[in-house]
Amino acid sequence: MWKELELLRKEYLELGLSRAIDYEKFTMISIVYNSTKIEGCSLTENDTKLLLQNDLTAKGKPLSDHMMVKDHFAAFMFLKDISIQKQKLSIDLIKQVAGLVMKNTGSIVNAMTGSFNTSFEDLRKAQVYVDKKYFPDFAKVESLLIKLIDNVNQRLDEVVGNETIKLSADLHYNLVNIHPFGDGNGRTSRLMMNYIQMYHEEPLIKIFTEDRAEYIEALNQTEEEEDISIFRDFICSQQIKFYKAELQKFKQKDKGFNLMF
């Protein structure tokens, strides 16, 4: 599978698709759609495009869903600018991204252990339970983030080729499982994964919303078996799917166009 990824990446890069007008913007919009859809957003991909390109809202759909999309895109654009500066990871950077992701949909959470604001840059001050698991005690969040950031930064300038996407997957898996914020952890983790890609000027990674169940299963199985290769392989498979879809779209242009009256 990793060899196939390498070959498809080479073919994709040789076509120079990223140099097409607005290609990067439309890729980012598509990633925003898939990422927010995974979190339950009701907007379609076309709704997302119209909102981000023309500021047109989708009739009858919640304002919060529109704000979720706009906040996600703003966080993406922020990271794009930061990546040009080749900024290393830090707790402050991750907090900034999380704050942007939740800027207009977050709220103040009052817990027995303290209050925190999910629409700002606060680390959580409460225990979190999701589905079948508890995330780490909130008192350990900062130290876990420091360990993760140190590991990523040590590898950041050394990785090439497939090792880059493996680092992206590692950051995503570990960050989402630290679950440092009261909300927006999935979106923040997927954005930080793509920060590694942007830092290295590599193609962005899209996790397809139709593969949400496999995505969750890969996260769970990786933890259960204590084997990071499981999640790395899932991300690899998603990138292969992305490359194949983009290459197929490019090949469609060769079928020609016929004027119709």
C-alpha atoms as a PDB file:
ATOM      1  CA  MET A   1       0.000   0.000   0.000  1.00  0.00           C
ATOM      2  CA  TRP A   2       2.781   2.450   0.861  1.00  0.00           C
ATOM      3  CA  LYS A   3       4.516   1.728  -2.436  1.00  0.00           C
ATOM      4  CA  GLU A   4       1.253   2.488  -4.255  1.00  0.00           C
ATOM      5  CA  LEU A   5       1.027   5.759  -2.340  1.00  0.00           C
ATOM      6  CA  GLU A   6       4.529   6.666  -3.446  1.00  0.00           C
ATOM      7  CA  LEU A   7       3.748   5.969  -7.104  1.00  0.00           C
ATOM      8  CA  LEU A   8       0.438   7.855  -7.056  1.00  0.00           C
ATOM      9  CA  ARG A   9       2.039  10.820  -5.298  1.00  0.00           C
ATOM     10  CA  LYS A  10       4.683  10.958  -8.042  1.00  0.00           C
ATOM     11  CA  GLU A  11       2.049  10.832 -10.801  1.00  0.00           C
ATOM     12  CA  TYR A  12      -0.077  13.452  -9.027  1.00  0.00           C
ATOM     13  CA  LEU A  13       2.853  15.851  -8.573  1.00  0.00           C
ATOM     14  CA  GLU A  14       4.069  15.392 -12.158  1.00  0.00           C
ATOM     15  CA  LEU A  15       0.701  16.572 -13.508  1.00  0.00           C
ATOM     16  CA  GLY A  16       1.115  19.868 -11.659  1.00  0.00           C
ATOM     17  CA  LEU A  17      -2.531  19.915 -10.584  1.00  0.00           C
ATOM     18  CA  SER A  18      -1.763  22.228  -7.685  1.00  0.00           C
ATOM     19  CA  ARG A  19      -0.769  24.946 -10.169  1.00  0.00           C
ATOM     20  CA  ALA A  20      -4.276  25.115 -11.629  1.00  0.00           C
ATOM     21  CA  ILE A  21      -6.200  28.295 -10.808  1.00  0.00           C
ATOM     22  CA  ASP A  22      -7.908  28.040  -7.399  1.00  0.00           C
ATOM     23  CA  TYR A  23      -6.992  24.342  -7.078  1.00  0.00           C
ATOM     24  CA  GLU A  24      -5.636  24.693  -3.545  1.00  0.00           C
ATOM     25  CA  LYS A  25      -8.644  26.721  -2.408  1.00  0.00           C
ATOM     26  CA  PHE A  26     -11.125  24.154  -3.720  1.00  0.00           C
ATOM     27  CA  THR A  27      -9.120  21.326  -2.122  1.00  0.00           C
ATOM     28  CA  MET A  28      -9.208  23.150   1.202  1.00  0.00           C
ATOM     29  CA  ILE A  29     -12.948  23.764   0.872  1.00  0.00           C
ATOM     30  CA  SER A  30     -13.512  20.075   0.159  1.00  0.00           C
ATOM     31  CA  ILE A  31     -11.444  19.114   3.203  1.00  0.00           C
ATOM     32  CA  VAL A  32     -13.431  21.570   5.341  1.00  0.00           C
ATOM     33  CA  TYR A  33     -16.677  20.012   4.090  1.00  0.00           C
ATOM     34  CA  ASN A  34     -15.522  16.476   4.901  1.00  0.00           C
ATOM     35  CA  SER A  35     -14.080  17.423   8.282  1.00  0.00           C
ATOM     36  CA  THR A  36     -17.169  19.305   9.460  1.00  0.00           C
ATOM     37  CA  LYS A  37     -19.482  16.629   8.049  1.00  0.00           C
ATOM     38  CA  ILE A  38     -17.668  14.036  10.177  1.00  0.00           C
ATOM     39  CA  GLU A  39     -18.676  16.188  13.169  1.00  0.00           C
ATOM     40  CA  GLY A  40     -22.343  16.236  12.130  1.00  0.00           C
ATOM     41  CA  CYS A  41     -22.563  19.441  10.085  1.00  0.00           C
ATOM     42  CA  SER A  42     -25.680  19.471   7.894  1.00  0.00           C
ATOM     43  CA  LEU A  43     -24.211  21.484   5.008  1.00  0.00           C
ATOM     44  CA  THR A  44     -23.615  19.699   1.707  1.00  0.00           C
ATOM     45  CA  GLU A  45     -20.382  20.142  -0.211  1.00  0.00           C
ATOM     46  CA  ASN A  46     -22.120  22.588  -2.550  1.00  0.00           C
ATOM     47  CA  ASP A  47     -23.527  24.499   0.458  1.00  0.00           C
ATOM     48  CA  THR A  48     -19.988  24.704   1.825  1.00  0.00           C
ATOM     49  CA  LYS A  49     -18.601  26.043  -1.451  1.00  0.00           C
ATOM     50  CA  LEU A  50     -21.318  28.697  -1.761  1.00  0.00           C
ATOM     51  CA  LEU A  51     -20.822  29.782   1.829  1.00  0.00           C
ATOM     52  CA  LEU A  52     -17.032  30.091   1.615  1.00  0.00           C
ATOM     53  CA  GLN A  53     -16.901  31.537  -1.902  1.00  0.00           C
ATOM     54  CA  ASN A  54     -19.989  33.738  -2.033  1.00  0.00           C
ATOM     55  CA  ASP A  55     -21.051  34.062   1.614  1.00  0.00           C
ATOM     56  CA  LEU A  56     -24.423  32.516   0.725  1.00  0.00           C
ATOM     57  CA  THR A  57     -26.174  30.532   3.444  1.00  0.00           C
ATOM     58  CA  ALA A  58     -28.095  27.303   2.920  1.00  0.00           C
ATOM     59  CA  LYS A  59     -31.835  27.722   3.371  1.00  0.00           C
ATOM     60  CA  GLY A  60     -33.293  26.061   6.445  1.00  0.00           C
ATOM     61  CA  LYS A  61     -29.970  24.886   7.905  1.00  0.00           C
ATOM     62  CA  PRO A  62     -28.670  25.901  11.351  1.00  0.00           C
ATOM     63  CA  LEU A  63     -26.608  29.054  11.754  1.00  0.00           C
ATOM     64  CA  SER A  64     -24.212  27.091  13.983  1.00  0.00           C
ATOM     65  CA  ASP A  65     -23.388  24.755  11.085  1.00  0.00           C
ATOM     66  CA  HIS A  66     -22.524  27.720   8.883  1.00  0.00           C
ATOM     67  CA  MET A  67     -20.320  29.173  11.597  1.00  0.00           C
ATOM     68  CA  MET A  68     -18.622  25.800  12.095  1.00  0.00           C
ATOM     69  CA  VAL A  69     -17.643  25.769   8.421  1.00  0.00           C
ATOM     70  CA  LYS A  70     -16.469  29.391   8.357  1.00  0.00           C
ATOM     71  CA  ASP A  71     -14.426  28.940  11.539  1.00  0.00           C
ATOM     72  CA  HIS A  72     -12.813  25.763  10.208  1.00  0.00           C
ATOM     73  CA  PHE A  73     -11.808  27.498   6.985  1.00  0.00           C
ATOM     74  CA  ALA A  74     -10.417  30.508   8.892  1.00  0.00           C
ATOM     75  CA  ALA A  75      -8.291  28.155  11.005  1.00  0.00           C
ATOM     76  CA  PHE A  76      -7.078  26.422   7.833  1.00  0.00           C
ATOM     77  CA  MET A  77      -6.045  29.742   6.261  1.00  0.00           C
ATOM     78  CA  PHE A  78      -4.282  30.747   9.482  1.00  0.00           C
ATOM     79  CA  LEU A  79      -2.242  27.518   9.418  1.00  0.00           C
ATOM     80  CA  LYS A  80      -1.436  28.005   5.745  1.00  0.00           C
ATOM     81  CA  ASP A  81       0.164  31.376   6.557  1.00  0.00           C
ATOM     82  CA  ILE A  82       2.027  29.936   9.552  1.00  0.00           C
ATOM     83  CA  SER A  83       3.359  27.041   7.462  1.00  0.00           C
ATOM     84  CA  ILE A  84       5.030  29.487   5.070  1.00  0.00           C
ATOM     85  CA  GLN A  85       6.966  30.833   8.061  1.00  0.00           C
ATOM     86  CA  LYS A  86       8.072  27.247   8.886  1.00  0.00           C
ATOM     87  CA  GLN A  87       6.933  27.656  12.463  1.00  0.00           C
ATOM     88  CA  LYS A  88       7.525  24.655  14.715  1.00  0.00           C
ATOM     89  CA  LEU A  89       4.717  23.224  16.820  1.00  0.00           C
ATOM     90  CA  SER A  90       3.933  24.692  20.223  1.00  0.00           C
ATOM     91  CA  ILE A  91       1.127  24.527  22.739  1.00  0.00           C
ATOM     92  CA  ASP A  92       0.261  28.120  21.874  1.00  0.00           C
ATOM     93  CA  LEU A  93      -0.044  27.292  18.165  1.00  0.00           C
ATOM     94  CA  ILE A  94      -2.356  24.343  18.811  1.00  0.00           C
ATOM     95  CA  LYS A  95      -4.418  26.453  21.215  1.00  0.00           C
ATOM     96  CA  GLN A  96      -4.713  29.216  18.612  1.00  0.00           C
ATOM     97  CA  VAL A  97      -6.013  26.743  16.040  1.00  0.00           C
ATOM     98  CA  ALA A  98      -8.502  25.243  18.490  1.00  0.00           C
ATOM     99  CA  GLY A  99      -9.697  28.734  19.417  1.00  0.00           C
ATOM    100  CA  LEU A 100     -10.297  29.586  15.761  1.00  0.00           C
ATOM    101  CA  VAL A 101     -12.101  26.271  15.142  1.00  0.00           C
ATOM    102  CA  MET A 102     -14.551  26.991  17.983  1.00  0.00           C
ATOM    103  CA  LYS A 103     -14.597  30.791  17.751  1.00  0.00           C
ATOM    104  CA  ASN A 104     -18.308  31.191  16.985  1.00  0.00           C
ATOM    105  CA  THR A 105     -19.757  27.900  18.216  1.00  0.00           C
ATOM    106  CA  GLY A 106     -18.022  27.379  21.554  1.00  0.00           C
ATOM    107  CA  SER A 107     -19.179  28.365  25.017  1.00  0.00           C
ATOM    108  CA  ILE A 108     -18.142  28.609  28.659  1.00  0.00           C
ATOM    109  CA  VAL A 109     -18.149  25.274  30.490  1.00  0.00           C
ATOM    110  CA  ASN A 110     -18.584  25.353  34.248  1.00  0.00           C
ATOM    111  CA  ALA A 111     -17.252  22.154  35.813  1.00  0.00           C
ATOM    112  CA  MET A 112     -16.614  21.219  39.434  1.00  0.00           C
ATOM    113  CA  THR A 113     -12.906  21.391  38.651  1.00  0.00           C
ATOM    114  CA  GLY A 114     -13.073  24.845  37.079  1.00  0.00           C
ATOM    115  CA  SER A 115     -14.505  26.910  34.235  1.00  0.00           C
ATOM    116  CA  PHE A 116     -13.089  27.041  30.712  1.00  0.00           C
ATOM    117  CA  ASN A 117     -14.123  28.547  27.398  1.00  0.00           C
ATOM    118  CA  THR A 118     -14.325  26.262  24.342  1.00  0.00           C
ATOM    119  CA  SER A 119     -14.587  29.290  22.042  1.00  0.00           C
ATOM    120  CA  PHE A 120     -11.282  30.657  23.261  1.00  0.00           C
ATOM    121  CA  GLU A 121      -7.941  28.851  23.660  1.00  0.00           C
ATOM    122  CA  ASP A 122      -8.544  27.159  27.005  1.00  0.00           C
ATOM    123  CA  LEU A 123      -7.393  23.636  27.729  1.00  0.00           C
ATOM    124  CA  ARG A 124     -10.175  21.577  29.257  1.00  0.00           C
ATOM    125  CA  LYS A 125     -10.590  21.409  33.023  1.00  0.00           C
ATOM    126  CA  ALA A 126     -12.888  18.428  33.141  1.00  0.00           C
ATOM    127  CA  GLN A 127     -12.909  14.718  32.438  1.00  0.00           C
ATOM    128  CA  VAL A 128     -14.195  13.702  28.988  1.00  0.00           C
ATOM    129  CA  TYR A 129     -15.939  10.443  28.099  1.00  0.00           C
ATOM    130  CA  VAL A 130     -16.777   9.492  24.496  1.00  0.00           C
ATOM    131  CA  ASP A 131     -18.397   6.269  23.348  1.00  0.00           C
ATOM    132  CA  LYS A 132     -16.308   3.493  24.950  1.00  0.00           C
ATOM    133  CA  LYS A 133     -13.448   5.413  26.558  1.00  0.00           C
ATOM    134  CA  TYR A 134     -12.266   8.129  28.898  1.00  0.00           C
ATOM    135  CA  PHE A 135      -9.641  10.525  27.641  1.00  0.00           C
ATOM    136  CA  PRO A 136      -6.609  11.356  29.833  1.00  0.00           C
ATOM    137  CA  ASP A 137      -7.138  13.215  33.086  1.00  0.00           C
ATOM    138  CA  PHE A 138      -7.215  16.949  32.375  1.00  0.00           C
ATOM    139  CA  ALA A 139      -4.349  17.471  34.830  1.00  0.00           C
ATOM    140  CA  LYS A 140      -2.093  15.490  32.466  1.00  0.00           C
ATOM    141  CA  VAL A 141      -3.061  17.299  29.253  1.00  0.00           C
ATOM    142  CA  GLU A 142      -0.320  19.926  29.247  1.00  0.00           C
ATOM    143  CA  SER A 143       2.507  17.464  29.984  1.00  0.00           C
ATOM    144  CA  LEU A 144       1.218  15.097  27.292  1.00  0.00           C
ATOM    145  CA  LEU A 145       1.114  17.952  24.785  1.00  0.00           C
ATOM    146  CA  ILE A 146       4.700  18.899  25.626  1.00  0.00           C
ATOM    147  CA  LYS A 147       5.872  15.312  25.006  1.00  0.00           C
ATOM    148  CA  LEU A 148       3.957  15.108  21.720  1.00  0.00           C
ATOM    149  CA  ILE A 149       5.214  18.476  20.495  1.00  0.00           C
ATOM    150  CA  ASP A 150       8.821  17.623  21.375  1.00  0.00           C
ATOM    151  CA  ASN A 151       8.594  14.365  19.425  1.00  0.00           C
ATOM    152  CA  VAL A 152       7.011  16.005  16.367  1.00  0.00           C
ATOM    153  CA  ASN A 153       9.448  18.929  16.334  1.00  0.00           C
ATOM    154  CA  GLN A 154      12.439  16.590  16.548  1.00  0.00           C
ATOM    155  CA  ARG A 155      11.224  14.762  13.443  1.00  0.00           C
ATOM    156  CA  LEU A 156       9.695  17.695  11.576  1.00  0.00           C
ATOM    157  CA  ASP A 157      12.684  18.759   9.496  1.00  0.00           C
ATOM    158  CA  GLU A 158      14.011  15.238   8.986  1.00  0.00           C
ATOM    159  CA  VAL A 159      11.058  13.451   7.370  1.00  0.00           C
ATOM    160  CA  VAL A 160      10.728  12.985   3.604  1.00  0.00           C
ATOM    161  CA  GLY A 161       8.390  11.029   1.325  1.00  0.00           C
ATOM    162  CA  ASN A 162       6.183   8.514   3.113  1.00  0.00           C
ATOM    163  CA  GLU A 163       7.735   9.436   6.455  1.00  0.00           C
ATOM    164  CA  THR A 164       6.087  12.857   6.189  1.00  0.00           C
ATOM    165  CA  ILE A 165       2.575  11.448   5.993  1.00  0.00           C
ATOM    166  CA  LYS A 166       3.405   9.031   8.814  1.00  0.00           C
ATOM    167  CA  LEU A 167       4.384  11.988  10.994  1.00  0.00           C
ATOM    168  CA  SER A 168       1.132  13.721  10.032  1.00  0.00           C
ATOM    169  CA  ALA A 169      -0.825  10.612  11.043  1.00  0.00           C
ATOM    170  CA  ASP A 170       1.097  10.313  14.322  1.00  0.00           C
ATOM    171  CA  LEU A 171       0.337  13.915  15.257  1.00  0.00           C
ATOM    172  CA  HIS A 172      -3.334  13.471  14.425  1.00  0.00           C
ATOM    173  CA  TYR A 173      -3.728  10.215  16.362  1.00  0.00           C
ATOM    174  CA  ASN A 174      -1.950  11.409  19.492  1.00  0.00           C
ATOM    175  CA  LEU A 175      -3.501  14.882  19.574  1.00  0.00           C
ATOM    176  CA  VAL A 176      -7.065  13.637  19.222  1.00  0.00           C
ATOM    177  CA  ASN A 177      -6.453  11.082  21.973  1.00  0.00           C
ATOM    178  CA  ILE A 178      -4.996  13.652  24.352  1.00  0.00           C
ATOM    179  CA  HIS A 179      -8.264  15.488  23.655  1.00  0.00           C
ATOM    180  CA  PRO A 180      -6.953  18.737  25.115  1.00  0.00           C
ATOM    181  CA  PHE A 181     -10.031  20.877  24.527  1.00  0.00           C
ATOM    182  CA  GLY A 182     -13.645  20.814  25.574  1.00  0.00           C
ATOM    183  CA  ASP A 183     -14.786  20.621  21.939  1.00  0.00           C
ATOM    184  CA  GLY A 184     -13.339  20.748  18.413  1.00  0.00           C
ATOM    185  CA  ASN A 185     -10.614  18.164  19.048  1.00  0.00           C
ATOM    186  CA  GLY A 186     -11.290  16.167  15.863  1.00  0.00           C
ATOM    187  CA  ARG A 187     -11.264  19.214  13.616  1.00  0.00           C
ATOM    188  CA  THR A 188      -8.181  20.619  15.330  1.00  0.00           C
ATOM    189  CA  SER A 189      -6.328  17.310  15.017  1.00  0.00           C
ATOM    190  CA  ARG A 190      -7.152  16.993  11.322  1.00  0.00           C
ATOM    191  CA  LEU A 191      -5.990  20.565  10.738  1.00  0.00           C
ATOM    192  CA  MET A 192      -2.730  19.986  12.593  1.00  0.00           C
ATOM    193  CA  MET A 193      -2.197  16.829  10.536  1.00  0.00           C
ATOM    194  CA  ASN A 194      -2.434  18.981   7.425  1.00  0.00           C
ATOM    195  CA  TYR A 195      -0.125  21.560   8.969  1.00  0.00           C
ATOM    196  CA  ILE A 196       2.667  18.987   8.656  1.00  0.00           C
ATOM    197  CA  GLN A 197       1.705  18.541   4.994  1.00  0.00           C
ATOM    198  CA  MET A 198       1.699  22.287   4.358  1.00  0.00           C
ATOM    199  CA  TYR A 199       4.977  22.737   6.238  1.00  0.00           C
ATOM    200  CA  HIS A 200       6.584  20.304   3.795  1.00  0.00           C
ATOM    201  CA  GLU A 201       4.588  21.589   0.779  1.00  0.00           C
ATOM    202  CA  GLU A 202       3.033  18.147   0.404  1.00  0.00           C
ATOM    203  CA  PRO A 203      -0.492  17.424  -0.911  1.00  0.00           C
ATOM    204  CA  LEU A 204      -3.160  17.878   1.731  1.00  0.00           C
ATOM    205  CA  ILE A 205      -4.843  14.902   3.383  1.00  0.00           C
ATOM    206  CA  LYS A 206      -8.594  14.454   3.118  1.00  0.00           C
ATOM    207  CA  ILE A 207     -10.480  12.079   5.403  1.00  0.00           C
ATOM    208  CA  PHE A 208     -13.611  11.271   3.433  1.00  0.00           C
ATOM    209  CA  THR A 209     -16.852  11.659   5.340  1.00  0.00           C
ATOM    210  CA  GLU A 210     -18.225   8.417   3.851  1.00  0.00           C
ATOM    211  CA  ASP A 211     -15.341   6.612   5.563  1.00  0.00           C
ATOM    212  CA  ARG A 212     -16.175   7.976   9.006  1.00  0.00           C
ATOM    213  CA  ALA A 213     -16.882   4.529  10.481  1.00  0.00           C
ATOM    214  CA  GLU A 214     -13.529   3.178   9.249  1.00  0.00           C
ATOM    215  CA  TYR A 215     -11.832   6.310  10.588  1.00  0.00           C
ATOM    216  CA  ILE A 216     -13.255   5.812  14.093  1.00  0.00           C
ATOM    217  CA  GLU A 217     -12.451   2.110  13.948  1.00  0.00           C
ATOM    218  CA  ALA A 218      -8.843   2.845  12.961  1.00  0.00           C
ATOM    219  CA  LEU A 219      -8.495   5.202  15.927  1.00  0.00           C
ATOM    220  CA  ASN A 220      -9.979   2.649  18.318  1.00  0.00           C
ATOM    221  CA  GLN A 221      -8.066  -0.326  16.941  1.00  0.00           C
ATOM    222  CA  THR A 222      -4.777   1.569  17.075  1.00  0.00           C
ATOM    223  CA  GLU A 223      -5.303   2.198  20.775  1.00  0.00           C
ATOM    224  CA  GLU A 224      -6.540  -1.308  21.562  1.00  0.00           C
ATOM    225  CA  GLU A 225      -3.600  -2.981  19.832  1.00  0.00           C
ATOM    226  CA  GLU A 226      -1.082  -0.249  20.721  1.00  0.00           C
ATOM    227  CA  ASP A 227       0.040  -0.223  17.092  1.00  0.00           C
ATOM    228  CA  ILE A 228       0.394   3.164  15.382  1.00  0.00           C
ATOM    229  CA  SER A 229       0.841   1.457  12.000  1.00  0.00           C
ATOM    230  CA  ILE A 230      -2.923   0.788  11.971  1.00  0.00           C
ATOM    231  CA  PHE A 231      -3.783   4.487  11.914  1.00  0.00           C
ATOM    232  CA  ARG A 232      -0.888   5.273   9.596  1.00  0.00           C
ATOM    233  CA  ASP A 233      -2.236   2.683   7.136  1.00  0.00           C
ATOM    234  CA  PHE A 234      -5.710   4.219   7.327  1.00  0.00           C
ATOM    235  CA  ILE A 235      -4.344   7.674   6.492  1.00  0.00           C
ATOM    236  CA  CYS A 236      -2.313   6.105   3.682  1.00  0.00           C
ATOM    237  CA  SER A 237      -5.478   4.520   2.256  1.00  0.00           C
ATOM    238  CA  GLN A 238      -7.310   7.872   2.402  1.00  0.00           C
ATOM    239  CA  GLN A 239      -4.488   9.602   0.563  1.00  0.00           C
ATOM    240  CA  ILE A 240      -4.474   6.885  -2.100  1.00  0.00           C
ATOM    241  CA  LYS A 241      -8.221   7.424  -2.498  1.00  0.00           C
ATOM    242  CA  PHE A 242      -7.642  11.178  -2.834  1.00  0.00           C
ATOM    243  CA  TYR A 243      -4.906  10.782  -5.447  1.00  0.00           C
ATOM    244  CA  LYS A 244      -6.983   8.346  -7.510  1.00  0.00           C
ATOM    245  CA  ALA A 245     -10.000  10.665  -7.442  1.00  0.00           C
ATOM    246  CA  GLU A 246      -7.947  13.692  -8.493  1.00  0.00           C
ATOM    247  CA  LEU A 247      -6.131  11.816 -11.246  1.00  0.00           C
ATOM    248  CA  GLN A 248      -9.435  10.482 -12.565  1.00  0.00           C
ATOM    249  CA  LYS A 249     -10.902  13.999 -12.686  1.00  0.00           C
ATOM    250  CA  PHE A 250      -7.857  15.186 -14.602  1.00  0.00           C
ATOM    251  CA  LYS A 251      -8.169  12.372 -17.132  1.00  0.00           C
ATOM    252  CA  GLN A 252     -11.824  13.249 -17.758  1.00  0.00           C
ATOM    253  CA  LYS A 253     -10.735  16.457 -19.479  1.00  0.00           C
ATOM    254  CA  ASP A 254      -9.337  14.367 -22.347  1.00  0.00           C
ATOM    255  CA  LYS A 255     -12.820  13.241 -23.290  1.00  0.00           C
ATOM    256  CA  GLY A 256     -13.323  16.664 -24.768  1.00  0.00           C
ATOM    257  CA  PHE A 257     -16.174  19.117 -24.648  1.00  0.00           C
ATOM    258  CA  ASN A 258     -19.026  19.509 -27.101  1.00  0.00           C
ATOM    259  CA  LEU A 259     -20.919  22.736 -27.506  1.00  0.00           C
ATOM    260  CA  MET A 260     -24.667  22.326 -26.993  1.00  0.00           C
ATOM    261  CA  PHE A 261     -27.390  24.676 -28.265  1.00  0.00           C
END
